[in-house]
Amino acid sequence: MKIRSLKQAIILAKSLWNNKEEVKDIFTKTGEKAEGHKIEMKTGLFADVQLLREMINAYLSGNYKFNKRTIVYVVAGLLYFLSPIDLVPDFILGLGFIDDAAVLAMVVKRLKTEVDTFKNEKTENNKQTIIIE
């Protein structure tokens, strides 16, 4: 899979967003890639990947409702991250993840309202969990 731009990733994501098996596969592969390259990835990039994966996980499990635009952008960002041959190929040491970081930061910024709402609701849900021994 060669995705050289966010626009190209969005076009592909529009055809995949409603196919939960495909989205689950993207979720799994991005987790594997992020864990496998954690040392080379900057903290912000790793955090953005994890945040977008949490959003996909909530969508797949039905625990959170996102609109189509949000899911398309999240899937597109993760597809771009998955592509080894993008604007700056991942195998170029020290530089390979710079474009991924920029694209994912752009996705998170474009979805700022949805991301903030998701984070706040996640935090509220965690606060409501009471463990009784």
C-alpha atoms as a PDB file:
ATOM      1  CA  MET A   1       0.000   0.000   0.000  1.00  0.00           C
ATOM      2  CA  LYS A   2       1.540   3.285  -1.122  1.00  0.00           C
ATOM      3  CA  ILE A   3      -0.179   6.373   0.206  1.00  0.00           C
ATOM      4  CA  ARG A   4       1.731   9.538  -0.579  1.00  0.00           C
ATOM      5  CA  SER A   5      -0.706  12.159   0.717  1.00  0.00           C
ATOM      6  CA  LEU A   6      -3.458  12.678   3.250  1.00  0.00           C
ATOM      7  CA  LYS A   7      -5.828  13.359   0.350  1.00  0.00           C
ATOM      8  CA  GLN A   8      -5.076   9.925  -1.093  1.00  0.00           C
ATOM      9  CA  ALA A   9      -5.572   8.347   2.369  1.00  0.00           C
ATOM     10  CA  ILE A  10      -8.938  10.114   2.750  1.00  0.00           C
ATOM     11  CA  ILE A  11     -10.133   8.751  -0.599  1.00  0.00           C
ATOM     12  CA  LEU A  12      -9.250   5.214   0.505  1.00  0.00           C
ATOM     13  CA  ALA A  13     -10.720   5.759   3.990  1.00  0.00           C
ATOM     14  CA  LYS A  14     -14.048   6.839   2.470  1.00  0.00           C
ATOM     15  CA  SER A  15     -14.322   3.417   0.860  1.00  0.00           C
ATOM     16  CA  LEU A  16     -13.342   1.559   4.060  1.00  0.00           C
ATOM     17  CA  TRP A  17     -14.824   3.469   7.001  1.00  0.00           C
ATOM     18  CA  ASN A  18     -18.024   1.414   7.218  1.00  0.00           C
ATOM     19  CA  ASN A  19     -16.302  -1.972   6.806  1.00  0.00           C
ATOM     20  CA  LYS A  20     -15.587  -2.841  10.425  1.00  0.00           C
ATOM     21  CA  GLU A  21     -13.387  -5.820   9.514  1.00  0.00           C
ATOM     22  CA  GLU A  22     -11.119  -3.591   7.408  1.00  0.00           C
ATOM     23  CA  VAL A  23     -11.062  -0.939  10.130  1.00  0.00           C
ATOM     24  CA  LYS A  24     -10.232  -3.598  12.726  1.00  0.00           C
ATOM     25  CA  ASP A  25      -7.348  -4.759  10.531  1.00  0.00           C
ATOM     26  CA  ILE A  26      -6.054  -1.168  10.313  1.00  0.00           C
ATOM     27  CA  PHE A  27      -6.391  -0.895  14.116  1.00  0.00           C
ATOM     28  CA  THR A  28      -4.336  -4.056  14.619  1.00  0.00           C
ATOM     29  CA  LYS A  29      -1.634  -3.184  12.093  1.00  0.00           C
ATOM     30  CA  THR A  30      -1.151   0.344  13.416  1.00  0.00           C
ATOM     31  CA  GLY A  31      -0.726  -1.026  16.925  1.00  0.00           C
ATOM     32  CA  GLU A  32       1.902  -3.488  15.729  1.00  0.00           C
ATOM     33  CA  LYS A  33       3.770  -0.826  13.764  1.00  0.00           C
ATOM     34  CA  ALA A  34       3.672   1.695  16.613  1.00  0.00           C
ATOM     35  CA  GLU A  35       4.967  -0.831  19.145  1.00  0.00           C
ATOM     36  CA  GLY A  36       7.619  -2.056  16.721  1.00  0.00           C
ATOM     37  CA  HIS A  37       8.933   1.457  16.073  1.00  0.00           C
ATOM     38  CA  LYS A  38       8.298   3.034  19.469  1.00  0.00           C
ATOM     39  CA  ILE A  39      11.983   3.895  19.933  1.00  0.00           C
ATOM     40  CA  GLU A  40      12.284   5.716  16.586  1.00  0.00           C
ATOM     41  CA  MET A  41       8.958   7.532  16.991  1.00  0.00           C
ATOM     42  CA  LYS A  42       8.753  10.800  18.862  1.00  0.00           C
ATOM     43  CA  THR A  43       6.499  10.895  21.918  1.00  0.00           C
ATOM     44  CA  GLY A  44       3.899  13.130  20.223  1.00  0.00           C
ATOM     45  CA  LEU A  45       3.561  10.836  17.221  1.00  0.00           C
ATOM     46  CA  PHE A  46       3.185   7.765  19.413  1.00  0.00           C
ATOM     47  CA  ALA A  47       0.556   9.583  21.517  1.00  0.00           C
ATOM     48  CA  ASP A  48      -1.382  10.638  18.383  1.00  0.00           C
ATOM     49  CA  VAL A  49      -1.348   7.065  17.040  1.00  0.00           C
ATOM     50  CA  GLN A  50      -2.568   5.753  20.393  1.00  0.00           C
ATOM     51  CA  LEU A  51      -5.315   8.393  20.612  1.00  0.00           C
ATOM     52  CA  LEU A  52      -6.598   7.637  17.114  1.00  0.00           C
ATOM     53  CA  ARG A  53      -6.480   3.903  17.896  1.00  0.00           C
ATOM     54  CA  GLU A  54      -8.520   4.504  21.072  1.00  0.00           C
ATOM     55  CA  MET A  55     -11.098   6.357  18.979  1.00  0.00           C
ATOM     56  CA  ILE A  56     -11.245   3.486  16.475  1.00  0.00           C
ATOM     57  CA  ASN A  57     -11.533   0.962  19.294  1.00  0.00           C
ATOM     58  CA  ALA A  58     -14.450   2.903  20.820  1.00  0.00           C
ATOM     59  CA  TYR A  59     -16.098   3.072  17.382  1.00  0.00           C
ATOM     60  CA  LEU A  60     -15.621  -0.649  16.712  1.00  0.00           C
ATOM     61  CA  SER A  61     -16.906  -1.675  20.135  1.00  0.00           C
ATOM     62  CA  GLY A  62     -19.936   0.598  19.849  1.00  0.00           C
ATOM     63  CA  ASN A  63     -18.976   2.379  23.065  1.00  0.00           C
ATOM     64  CA  TYR A  64     -18.824   5.747  21.367  1.00  0.00           C
ATOM     65  CA  LYS A  65     -20.632   7.231  18.386  1.00  0.00           C
ATOM     66  CA  PHE A  66     -18.617   9.253  15.902  1.00  0.00           C
ATOM     67  CA  ASN A  67     -19.893  10.873  12.744  1.00  0.00           C
ATOM     68  CA  LYS A  68     -18.724   9.611   9.351  1.00  0.00           C
ATOM     69  CA  ARG A  69     -16.320  12.518   8.803  1.00  0.00           C
ATOM     70  CA  THR A  70     -14.514  11.800  12.052  1.00  0.00           C
ATOM     71  CA  ILE A  71     -14.079   8.103  11.325  1.00  0.00           C
ATOM     72  CA  VAL A  72     -12.936   8.822   7.756  1.00  0.00           C
ATOM     73  CA  TYR A  73     -10.258  11.226   9.020  1.00  0.00           C
ATOM     74  CA  VAL A  74      -9.125   8.872  11.796  1.00  0.00           C
ATOM     75  CA  VAL A  75      -8.892   5.930   9.382  1.00  0.00           C
ATOM     76  CA  ALA A  76      -7.102   8.126   6.823  1.00  0.00           C
ATOM     77  CA  GLY A  77      -4.528   9.227   9.390  1.00  0.00           C
ATOM     78  CA  LEU A  78      -3.872   5.650  10.430  1.00  0.00           C
ATOM     79  CA  LEU A  79      -3.653   4.512   6.789  1.00  0.00           C
ATOM     80  CA  TYR A  80      -1.050   7.190   6.120  1.00  0.00           C
ATOM     81  CA  PHE A  81       0.897   6.064   9.190  1.00  0.00           C
ATOM     82  CA  LEU A  82       0.751   2.448   7.960  1.00  0.00           C
ATOM     83  CA  SER A  83       2.093   3.241   4.512  1.00  0.00           C
ATOM     84  CA  PRO A  84       5.853   2.567   4.429  1.00  0.00           C
ATOM     85  CA  ILE A  85       6.211   4.467   1.157  1.00  0.00           C
ATOM     86  CA  ASP A  86       4.733   7.902   1.732  1.00  0.00           C
ATOM     87  CA  LEU A  87       6.105  11.410   1.368  1.00  0.00           C
ATOM     88  CA  VAL A  88       9.193  10.487   3.443  1.00  0.00           C
ATOM     89  CA  PRO A  89       9.642   6.690   3.427  1.00  0.00           C
ATOM     90  CA  ASP A  90       9.753   5.151   6.911  1.00  0.00           C
ATOM     91  CA  PHE A  91      13.039   3.360   6.290  1.00  0.00           C
ATOM     92  CA  ILE A  92      14.979   6.664   6.165  1.00  0.00           C
ATOM     93  CA  LEU A  93      16.481   6.704   9.640  1.00  0.00           C
ATOM     94  CA  GLY A  94      15.757   9.804  11.648  1.00  0.00           C
ATOM     95  CA  LEU A  95      13.399  11.263   9.054  1.00  0.00           C
ATOM     96  CA  GLY A  96      10.971   8.488   8.147  1.00  0.00           C
ATOM     97  CA  PHE A  97       8.323   9.398  10.690  1.00  0.00           C
ATOM     98  CA  ILE A  98       8.457  13.196  10.325  1.00  0.00           C
ATOM     99  CA  ASP A  99       5.744  13.279   7.674  1.00  0.00           C
ATOM    100  CA  ASP A 100       3.655  10.755   9.642  1.00  0.00           C
ATOM    101  CA  ALA A 101       3.855  13.024  12.702  1.00  0.00           C
ATOM    102  CA  ALA A 102       2.812  16.044  10.631  1.00  0.00           C
ATOM    103  CA  VAL A 103      -0.136  14.237   9.020  1.00  0.00           C
ATOM    104  CA  LEU A 104      -1.398  12.781  12.305  1.00  0.00           C
ATOM    105  CA  ALA A 105      -1.033  16.148  14.052  1.00  0.00           C
ATOM    106  CA  MET A 106      -3.070  17.684  11.207  1.00  0.00           C
ATOM    107  CA  VAL A 107      -5.777  15.018  11.605  1.00  0.00           C
ATOM    108  CA  VAL A 108      -5.951  15.556  15.368  1.00  0.00           C
ATOM    109  CA  LYS A 109      -6.119  19.345  14.834  1.00  0.00           C
ATOM    110  CA  ARG A 110      -8.888  19.043  12.220  1.00  0.00           C
ATOM    111  CA  LEU A 111     -10.869  16.871  14.630  1.00  0.00           C
ATOM    112  CA  LYS A 112     -10.058  18.993  17.680  1.00  0.00           C
ATOM    113  CA  THR A 113     -13.649  19.342  18.877  1.00  0.00           C
ATOM    114  CA  GLU A 114     -14.387  15.630  18.467  1.00  0.00           C
ATOM    115  CA  VAL A 115     -11.038  14.653  20.023  1.00  0.00           C
ATOM    116  CA  ASP A 116     -11.584  16.938  23.020  1.00  0.00           C
ATOM    117  CA  THR A 117     -15.122  15.637  23.536  1.00  0.00           C
ATOM    118  CA  PHE A 118     -13.906  12.036  23.291  1.00  0.00           C
ATOM    119  CA  LYS A 119     -11.084  12.661  25.790  1.00  0.00           C
ATOM    120  CA  ASN A 120     -13.419  14.451  28.229  1.00  0.00           C
ATOM    121  CA  GLU A 121     -16.052  11.722  28.081  1.00  0.00           C
ATOM    122  CA  LYS A 122     -13.373   9.059  28.487  1.00  0.00           C
ATOM    123  CA  THR A 123     -12.053  10.877  31.550  1.00  0.00           C
ATOM    124  CA  GLU A 124     -15.559  11.244  32.974  1.00  0.00           C
ATOM    125  CA  ASN A 125     -16.266   7.543  32.423  1.00  0.00           C
ATOM    126  CA  ASN A 126     -13.020   6.651  34.214  1.00  0.00           C
ATOM    127  CA  LYS A 127     -13.980   8.864  37.151  1.00  0.00           C
ATOM    128  CA  GLN A 128     -17.354   7.150  37.446  1.00  0.00           C
ATOM    129  CA  THR A 129     -15.785   3.711  37.781  1.00  0.00           C
ATOM    130  CA  ILE A 130     -15.801   2.799  41.453  1.00  0.00           C
ATOM    131  CA  ILE A 131     -14.109  -0.355  42.608  1.00  0.00           C
ATOM    132  CA  ILE A 132     -15.604  -1.912  45.718  1.00  0.00           C
ATOM    133  CA  GLU A 133     -13.660  -4.619  47.422  1.00  0.00           C
END
